[in-house]
């Protein structure tokens, strides 16, 4: 990424209790959620020129972030209301952020490069999506303010198509390379053992 000021770019890891549904049999859902969220946050915290934030409806998540990281509370929501609420609370807490990525908290092995690609896409588009395998979005990036026409959730089956149909012009919605999320127990098999990171999830699944 370029050397823009840190406060110009923000990545918010969005956490809801429903993300514990990806826990495999024999793994405590609460422990699974904590491990996955911590790994997702850790990958964000390594990015240069980016401010990390945690947006959560789950109590106690402040334990997984570094001191000084904003932890912003929202109600337990889903769909478009979750995305809009997350962006609104981030905007209120960090009005200086000209660009923001909302990252679903269940993507512990996401390559950080894919977040960088979303920021680059905002150079020509107003909104950019990292699609999820088998539908949905891993991350949604936008310039501030959030577009009034953008009604989208992380689990929309075809987020790019939905947003382009809503947008004043289709070019205002960009798409980057896709990745996977851990939404169901079988999804842990999508984790890439060759990638660095996701240490907490890896350790939990190895027990």
C-alpha atoms as a PDB file:
ATOM      1  CA  UNK A   1       0.000   0.000   0.000  1.00  0.00           C
ATOM      2  CA  UNK A   2       1.038   3.601  -0.421  1.00  0.00           C
ATOM      3  CA  UNK A   3       2.416   5.787   2.335  1.00  0.00           C
ATOM      4  CA  UNK A   4      -0.768   7.737   3.054  1.00  0.00           C
ATOM      5  CA  UNK A   5      -1.295   8.966   6.578  1.00  0.00           C
ATOM      6  CA  UNK A   6      -2.315   6.249   9.018  1.00  0.00           C
ATOM      7  CA  UNK A   7      -5.538   8.021   9.940  1.00  0.00           C
ATOM      8  CA  UNK A   8      -6.739   8.026   6.331  1.00  0.00           C
ATOM      9  CA  UNK A   9      -7.351   4.263   6.235  1.00  0.00           C
ATOM     10  CA  UNK A  10      -9.119   2.042   8.717  1.00  0.00           C
ATOM     11  CA  UNK A  11      -9.909  -1.682   8.849  1.00  0.00           C
ATOM     12  CA  UNK A  12     -12.699  -2.757  11.182  1.00  0.00           C
ATOM     13  CA  UNK A  13     -12.997  -6.434  12.116  1.00  0.00           C
ATOM     14  CA  UNK A  14     -16.729  -7.092  12.553  1.00  0.00           C
ATOM     15  CA  UNK A  15     -17.735  -9.764  15.073  1.00  0.00           C
ATOM     16  CA  UNK A  16     -21.127 -11.274  15.883  1.00  0.00           C
ATOM     17  CA  UNK A  17     -22.022 -14.271  18.029  1.00  0.00           C
ATOM     18  CA  UNK A  18     -23.351 -16.126  14.960  1.00  0.00           C
ATOM     19  CA  UNK A  19     -19.748 -16.548  13.795  1.00  0.00           C
ATOM     20  CA  UNK A  20     -19.272 -19.238  16.430  1.00  0.00           C
ATOM     21  CA  UNK A  21     -21.411 -21.517  14.213  1.00  0.00           C
ATOM     22  CA  UNK A  22     -18.280 -22.493  12.300  1.00  0.00           C
ATOM     23  CA  UNK A  23     -16.883 -24.452  15.249  1.00  0.00           C
ATOM     24  CA  UNK A  24     -16.172 -28.086  14.306  1.00  0.00           C
ATOM     25  CA  UNK A  25     -17.573 -30.913  16.467  1.00  0.00           C
ATOM     26  CA  UNK A  26     -15.698 -31.186  19.763  1.00  0.00           C
ATOM     27  CA  UNK A  27     -14.532 -27.552  19.729  1.00  0.00           C
ATOM     28  CA  UNK A  28     -16.169 -25.122  22.149  1.00  0.00           C
ATOM     29  CA  UNK A  29     -17.956 -22.472  20.037  1.00  0.00           C
ATOM     30  CA  UNK A  30     -16.853 -19.637  22.320  1.00  0.00           C
ATOM     31  CA  UNK A  31     -13.208 -20.682  22.187  1.00  0.00           C
ATOM     32  CA  UNK A  32     -13.465 -21.090  18.437  1.00  0.00           C
ATOM     33  CA  UNK A  33     -14.895 -17.609  17.986  1.00  0.00           C
ATOM     34  CA  UNK A  34     -12.212 -16.055  20.164  1.00  0.00           C
ATOM     35  CA  UNK A  35      -9.388 -17.796  18.291  1.00  0.00           C
ATOM     36  CA  UNK A  36     -10.750 -16.950  14.851  1.00  0.00           C
ATOM     37  CA  UNK A  37     -11.387 -13.300  15.723  1.00  0.00           C
ATOM     38  CA  UNK A  38      -7.958 -12.907  17.306  1.00  0.00           C
ATOM     39  CA  UNK A  39      -6.272 -14.254  14.175  1.00  0.00           C
ATOM     40  CA  UNK A  40      -8.364 -12.033  11.913  1.00  0.00           C
ATOM     41  CA  UNK A  41      -7.474  -9.021  14.042  1.00  0.00           C
ATOM     42  CA  UNK A  42      -3.789  -9.978  14.093  1.00  0.00           C
ATOM     43  CA  UNK A  43      -3.579  -9.967  10.303  1.00  0.00           C
ATOM     44  CA  UNK A  44      -5.081  -6.476  10.261  1.00  0.00           C
ATOM     45  CA  UNK A  45      -2.709  -5.240  12.971  1.00  0.00           C
ATOM     46  CA  UNK A  46       0.298  -6.097  10.775  1.00  0.00           C
ATOM     47  CA  UNK A  47      -0.776  -3.767   7.960  1.00  0.00           C
ATOM     48  CA  UNK A  48       1.196  -0.579   7.397  1.00  0.00           C
ATOM     49  CA  UNK A  49      -0.579   2.782   7.259  1.00  0.00           C
ATOM     50  CA  UNK A  50      -3.847   1.311   8.551  1.00  0.00           C
ATOM     51  CA  UNK A  51      -5.714   1.840  11.817  1.00  0.00           C
ATOM     52  CA  UNK A  52      -7.287  -1.405  13.161  1.00  0.00           C
ATOM     53  CA  UNK A  53     -10.642  -1.356  14.946  1.00  0.00           C
ATOM     54  CA  UNK A  54     -12.838  -4.083  16.432  1.00  0.00           C
ATOM     55  CA  UNK A  55     -16.613  -3.788  16.015  1.00  0.00           C
ATOM     56  CA  UNK A  56     -18.445  -6.385  18.075  1.00  0.00           C
ATOM     57  CA  UNK A  57     -21.763  -7.509  19.494  1.00  0.00           C
ATOM     58  CA  UNK A  58     -19.954 -10.122  21.614  1.00  0.00           C
ATOM     59  CA  UNK A  59     -18.835  -9.104  25.139  1.00  0.00           C
ATOM     60  CA  UNK A  60     -15.216  -9.659  26.152  1.00  0.00           C
ATOM     61  CA  UNK A  61     -13.663  -9.296  22.711  1.00  0.00           C
ATOM     62  CA  UNK A  62     -11.401  -6.494  23.943  1.00  0.00           C
ATOM     63  CA  UNK A  63      -9.158  -9.281  25.284  1.00  0.00           C
ATOM     64  CA  UNK A  64      -8.023 -10.242  21.766  1.00  0.00           C
ATOM     65  CA  UNK A  65      -6.774  -6.815  20.641  1.00  0.00           C
ATOM     66  CA  UNK A  66      -3.675  -4.795  21.420  1.00  0.00           C
ATOM     67  CA  UNK A  67      -3.994  -2.004  24.020  1.00  0.00           C
ATOM     68  CA  UNK A  68      -5.188   1.184  22.405  1.00  0.00           C
ATOM     69  CA  UNK A  69      -7.217  -0.515  19.690  1.00  0.00           C
ATOM     70  CA  UNK A  70     -10.755   0.920  19.636  1.00  0.00           C
ATOM     71  CA  UNK A  71     -13.399  -1.674  20.524  1.00  0.00           C
ATOM     72  CA  UNK A  72     -16.817  -0.481  19.361  1.00  0.00           C
ATOM     73  CA  UNK A  73     -20.045  -2.166  20.459  1.00  0.00           C
ATOM     74  CA  UNK A  74     -23.057  -2.789  18.247  1.00  0.00           C
ATOM     75  CA  UNK A  75     -26.250  -4.834  18.718  1.00  0.00           C
ATOM     76  CA  UNK A  76     -26.442  -8.409  17.438  1.00  0.00           C
ATOM     77  CA  UNK A  77     -27.476  -7.846  13.826  1.00  0.00           C
ATOM     78  CA  UNK A  78     -27.183  -9.545  10.452  1.00  0.00           C
ATOM     79  CA  UNK A  79     -27.494  -8.666   6.783  1.00  0.00           C
ATOM     80  CA  UNK A  80     -27.474  -5.079   5.582  1.00  0.00           C
ATOM     81  CA  UNK A  81     -28.348  -3.651   9.030  1.00  0.00           C
ATOM     82  CA  UNK A  82     -25.126  -5.170  10.417  1.00  0.00           C
ATOM     83  CA  UNK A  83     -22.951  -3.634   7.712  1.00  0.00           C
ATOM     84  CA  UNK A  84     -24.598  -0.230   7.980  1.00  0.00           C
ATOM     85  CA  UNK A  85     -24.438  -0.227  11.792  1.00  0.00           C
ATOM     86  CA  UNK A  86     -20.768  -1.225  11.721  1.00  0.00           C
ATOM     87  CA  UNK A  87     -19.891   1.570   9.332  1.00  0.00           C
ATOM     88  CA  UNK A  88     -21.899   4.128  11.281  1.00  0.00           C
ATOM     89  CA  UNK A  89     -20.209   3.314  14.587  1.00  0.00           C
ATOM     90  CA  UNK A  90     -16.789   3.365  12.928  1.00  0.00           C
ATOM     91  CA  UNK A  91     -17.509   6.708  11.275  1.00  0.00           C
ATOM     92  CA  UNK A  92     -18.642   8.205  14.558  1.00  0.00           C
ATOM     93  CA  UNK A  93     -15.534   6.989  16.391  1.00  0.00           C
ATOM     94  CA  UNK A  94     -13.076   7.802  13.593  1.00  0.00           C
ATOM     95  CA  UNK A  95     -14.445  10.647  11.454  1.00  0.00           C
ATOM     96  CA  UNK A  96     -10.934  11.215  10.066  1.00  0.00           C
ATOM     97  CA  UNK A  97     -10.981   7.908   8.150  1.00  0.00           C
ATOM     98  CA  UNK A  98     -11.507   8.681   4.497  1.00  0.00           C
ATOM     99  CA  UNK A  99     -11.484   5.004   3.530  1.00  0.00           C
ATOM    100  CA  UNK A 100     -12.620   1.993   5.550  1.00  0.00           C
ATOM    101  CA  UNK A 101     -12.734  -1.763   5.133  1.00  0.00           C
ATOM    102  CA  UNK A 102     -15.287  -3.794   7.064  1.00  0.00           C
ATOM    103  CA  UNK A 103     -13.782  -7.266   7.457  1.00  0.00           C
ATOM    104  CA  UNK A 104     -15.835 -10.233   8.605  1.00  0.00           C
ATOM    105  CA  UNK A 105     -14.289 -11.650  11.779  1.00  0.00           C
ATOM    106  CA  UNK A 106     -14.357 -15.258  10.529  1.00  0.00           C
ATOM    107  CA  UNK A 107     -11.505 -15.027   7.981  1.00  0.00           C
ATOM    108  CA  UNK A 108      -8.432 -15.888  10.069  1.00  0.00           C
ATOM    109  CA  UNK A 109      -6.104 -16.861   7.201  1.00  0.00           C
ATOM    110  CA  UNK A 110      -6.975 -14.028   4.811  1.00  0.00           C
ATOM    111  CA  UNK A 111      -3.809 -12.811   3.034  1.00  0.00           C
ATOM    112  CA  UNK A 112      -3.311  -9.147   4.025  1.00  0.00           C
ATOM    113  CA  UNK A 113      -2.551  -8.363   0.389  1.00  0.00           C
ATOM    114  CA  UNK A 114      -6.245  -8.766  -0.418  1.00  0.00           C
ATOM    115  CA  UNK A 115      -7.105  -5.893   1.910  1.00  0.00           C
ATOM    116  CA  UNK A 116      -4.543  -3.766   0.129  1.00  0.00           C
ATOM    117  CA  UNK A 117      -6.203  -4.589  -3.183  1.00  0.00           C
ATOM    118  CA  UNK A 118      -9.520  -3.298  -1.857  1.00  0.00           C
ATOM    119  CA  UNK A 119      -7.970   0.022  -0.873  1.00  0.00           C
ATOM    120  CA  UNK A 120      -6.383   0.328  -4.299  1.00  0.00           C
ATOM    121  CA  UNK A 121      -9.739  -0.357  -5.948  1.00  0.00           C
ATOM    122  CA  UNK A 122     -11.195   2.633  -4.127  1.00  0.00           C
ATOM    123  CA  UNK A 123      -8.965   4.817  -6.273  1.00  0.00           C
ATOM    124  CA  UNK A 124     -11.498   4.516  -9.068  1.00  0.00           C
ATOM    125  CA  UNK A 125     -14.597   3.037  -7.410  1.00  0.00           C
ATOM    126  CA  UNK A 126     -16.660   4.161  -4.466  1.00  0.00           C
ATOM    127  CA  UNK A 127     -17.045   0.683  -3.017  1.00  0.00           C
ATOM    128  CA  UNK A 128     -15.092  -2.581  -3.371  1.00  0.00           C
ATOM    129  CA  UNK A 129     -15.837  -6.171  -2.341  1.00  0.00           C
ATOM    130  CA  UNK A 130     -13.712  -9.204  -1.556  1.00  0.00           C
ATOM    131  CA  UNK A 131     -16.170 -12.009  -2.415  1.00  0.00           C
ATOM    132  CA  UNK A 132     -16.466 -15.112  -0.260  1.00  0.00           C
ATOM    133  CA  UNK A 133     -16.340 -18.672  -1.554  1.00  0.00           C
ATOM    134  CA  UNK A 134     -19.874 -20.041  -2.023  1.00  0.00           C
ATOM    135  CA  UNK A 135     -21.428 -16.575  -1.809  1.00  0.00           C
ATOM    136  CA  UNK A 136     -21.235 -13.607   0.483  1.00  0.00           C
ATOM    137  CA  UNK A 137     -18.434 -11.174   1.164  1.00  0.00           C
ATOM    138  CA  UNK A 138     -15.258 -11.477   3.190  1.00  0.00           C
ATOM    139  CA  UNK A 139     -14.733  -7.716   3.244  1.00  0.00           C
ATOM    140  CA  UNK A 140     -16.430  -4.565   1.992  1.00  0.00           C
ATOM    141  CA  UNK A 141     -14.465  -1.364   1.426  1.00  0.00           C
ATOM    142  CA  UNK A 142     -15.810   2.118   0.901  1.00  0.00           C
ATOM    143  CA  UNK A 143     -14.890   5.740   0.945  1.00  0.00           C
ATOM    144  CA  UNK A 144     -16.695   7.885   3.497  1.00  0.00           C
ATOM    145  CA  UNK A 145     -19.541   8.497   3.724  1.00  0.00           C
ATOM    146  CA  UNK A 146     -21.254   5.137   3.254  1.00  0.00           C
ATOM    147  CA  UNK A 147     -23.295   5.319   0.023  1.00  0.00           C
ATOM    148  CA  UNK A 148     -27.027   5.693   0.662  1.00  0.00           C
ATOM    149  CA  UNK A 149     -27.809   3.199  -2.106  1.00  0.00           C
ATOM    150  CA  UNK A 150     -25.573   0.413  -0.739  1.00  0.00           C
ATOM    151  CA  UNK A 151     -27.820  -2.139   0.989  1.00  0.00           C
ATOM    152  CA  UNK A 152     -25.634  -5.207   1.413  1.00  0.00           C
ATOM    153  CA  UNK A 153     -24.810  -7.864   3.996  1.00  0.00           C
ATOM    154  CA  UNK A 154     -21.805 -10.125   4.464  1.00  0.00           C
ATOM    155  CA  UNK A 155     -23.971 -13.130   3.552  1.00  0.00           C
ATOM    156  CA  UNK A 156     -25.676 -11.721   0.465  1.00  0.00           C
ATOM    157  CA  UNK A 157     -25.414 -14.591  -2.086  1.00  0.00           C
ATOM    158  CA  UNK A 158     -24.045 -12.326  -4.843  1.00  0.00           C
ATOM    159  CA  UNK A 159     -22.839  -9.109  -3.225  1.00  0.00           C
ATOM    160  CA  UNK A 160     -21.144  -7.631  -6.270  1.00  0.00           C
ATOM    161  CA  UNK A 161     -24.156  -8.197  -8.523  1.00  0.00           C
ATOM    162  CA  UNK A 162     -26.487  -6.828  -5.846  1.00  0.00           C
ATOM    163  CA  UNK A 163     -24.441  -3.672  -5.339  1.00  0.00           C
ATOM    164  CA  UNK A 164     -23.963  -3.022  -9.055  1.00  0.00           C
ATOM    165  CA  UNK A 165     -27.710  -3.292  -9.555  1.00  0.00           C
ATOM    166  CA  UNK A 166     -28.241  -0.691  -6.820  1.00  0.00           C
ATOM    167  CA  UNK A 167     -25.408   1.652  -7.764  1.00  0.00           C
ATOM    168  CA  UNK A 168     -25.993   4.751  -9.925  1.00  0.00           C
ATOM    169  CA  UNK A 169     -23.343   3.263 -12.255  1.00  0.00           C
ATOM    170  CA  UNK A 170     -21.919  -0.265 -12.185  1.00  0.00           C
ATOM    171  CA  UNK A 171     -18.287   0.966 -12.315  1.00  0.00           C
ATOM    172  CA  UNK A 172     -18.755   2.428  -8.838  1.00  0.00           C
ATOM    173  CA  UNK A 173     -18.542  -1.124  -7.416  1.00  0.00           C
ATOM    174  CA  UNK A 174     -15.219  -2.920  -7.808  1.00  0.00           C
ATOM    175  CA  UNK A 175     -14.368  -6.501  -6.920  1.00  0.00           C
ATOM    176  CA  UNK A 176     -11.099  -8.005  -5.782  1.00  0.00           C
ATOM    177  CA  UNK A 177      -9.869 -11.613  -5.527  1.00  0.00           C
ATOM    178  CA  UNK A 178     -12.107 -13.833  -3.427  1.00  0.00           C
ATOM    179  CA  UNK A 179     -11.332 -15.793  -0.272  1.00  0.00           C
ATOM    180  CA  UNK A 180     -13.113 -18.026   2.254  1.00  0.00           C
ATOM    181  CA  UNK A 181     -14.792 -17.617   5.632  1.00  0.00           C
ATOM    182  CA  UNK A 182     -15.458 -20.137   8.414  1.00  0.00           C
ATOM    183  CA  UNK A 183     -19.246 -20.126   8.457  1.00  0.00           C
ATOM    184  CA  UNK A 184     -19.907 -23.862   8.900  1.00  0.00           C
ATOM    185  CA  UNK A 185     -17.915 -26.662  10.587  1.00  0.00           C
ATOM    186  CA  UNK A 186     -16.734 -28.098   7.272  1.00  0.00           C
ATOM    187  CA  UNK A 187     -15.191 -24.756   6.302  1.00  0.00           C
ATOM    188  CA  UNK A 188     -12.118 -25.322   8.492  1.00  0.00           C
ATOM    189  CA  UNK A 189     -10.863 -27.565   5.687  1.00  0.00           C
ATOM    190  CA  UNK A 190     -10.512 -24.440   3.548  1.00  0.00           C
ATOM    191  CA  UNK A 191      -7.794 -23.037   5.830  1.00  0.00           C
ATOM    192  CA  UNK A 192      -4.465 -22.890   4.015  1.00  0.00           C
ATOM    193  CA  UNK A 193      -1.764 -24.647   6.111  1.00  0.00           C
ATOM    194  CA  UNK A 194       0.926 -23.113   3.911  1.00  0.00           C
ATOM    195  CA  UNK A 195       0.078 -19.554   4.922  1.00  0.00           C
ATOM    196  CA  UNK A 196       1.696 -17.810   7.854  1.00  0.00           C
ATOM    197  CA  UNK A 197      -0.549 -16.551  10.627  1.00  0.00           C
ATOM    198  CA  UNK A 198      -3.855 -17.880  12.001  1.00  0.00           C
ATOM    199  CA  UNK A 199      -1.825 -19.337  14.884  1.00  0.00           C
ATOM    200  CA  UNK A 200      -4.643 -19.350  17.458  1.00  0.00           C
ATOM    201  CA  UNK A 201      -7.093 -21.134  15.174  1.00  0.00           C
ATOM    202  CA  UNK A 202      -4.396 -23.574  14.099  1.00  0.00           C
ATOM    203  CA  UNK A 203      -3.525 -24.382  17.727  1.00  0.00           C
ATOM    204  CA  UNK A 204      -7.165 -24.856  18.714  1.00  0.00           C
ATOM    205  CA  UNK A 205      -7.874 -27.227  15.842  1.00  0.00           C
ATOM    206  CA  UNK A 206      -4.719 -29.227  16.611  1.00  0.00           C
ATOM    207  CA  UNK A 207      -5.751 -30.094  20.157  1.00  0.00           C
END
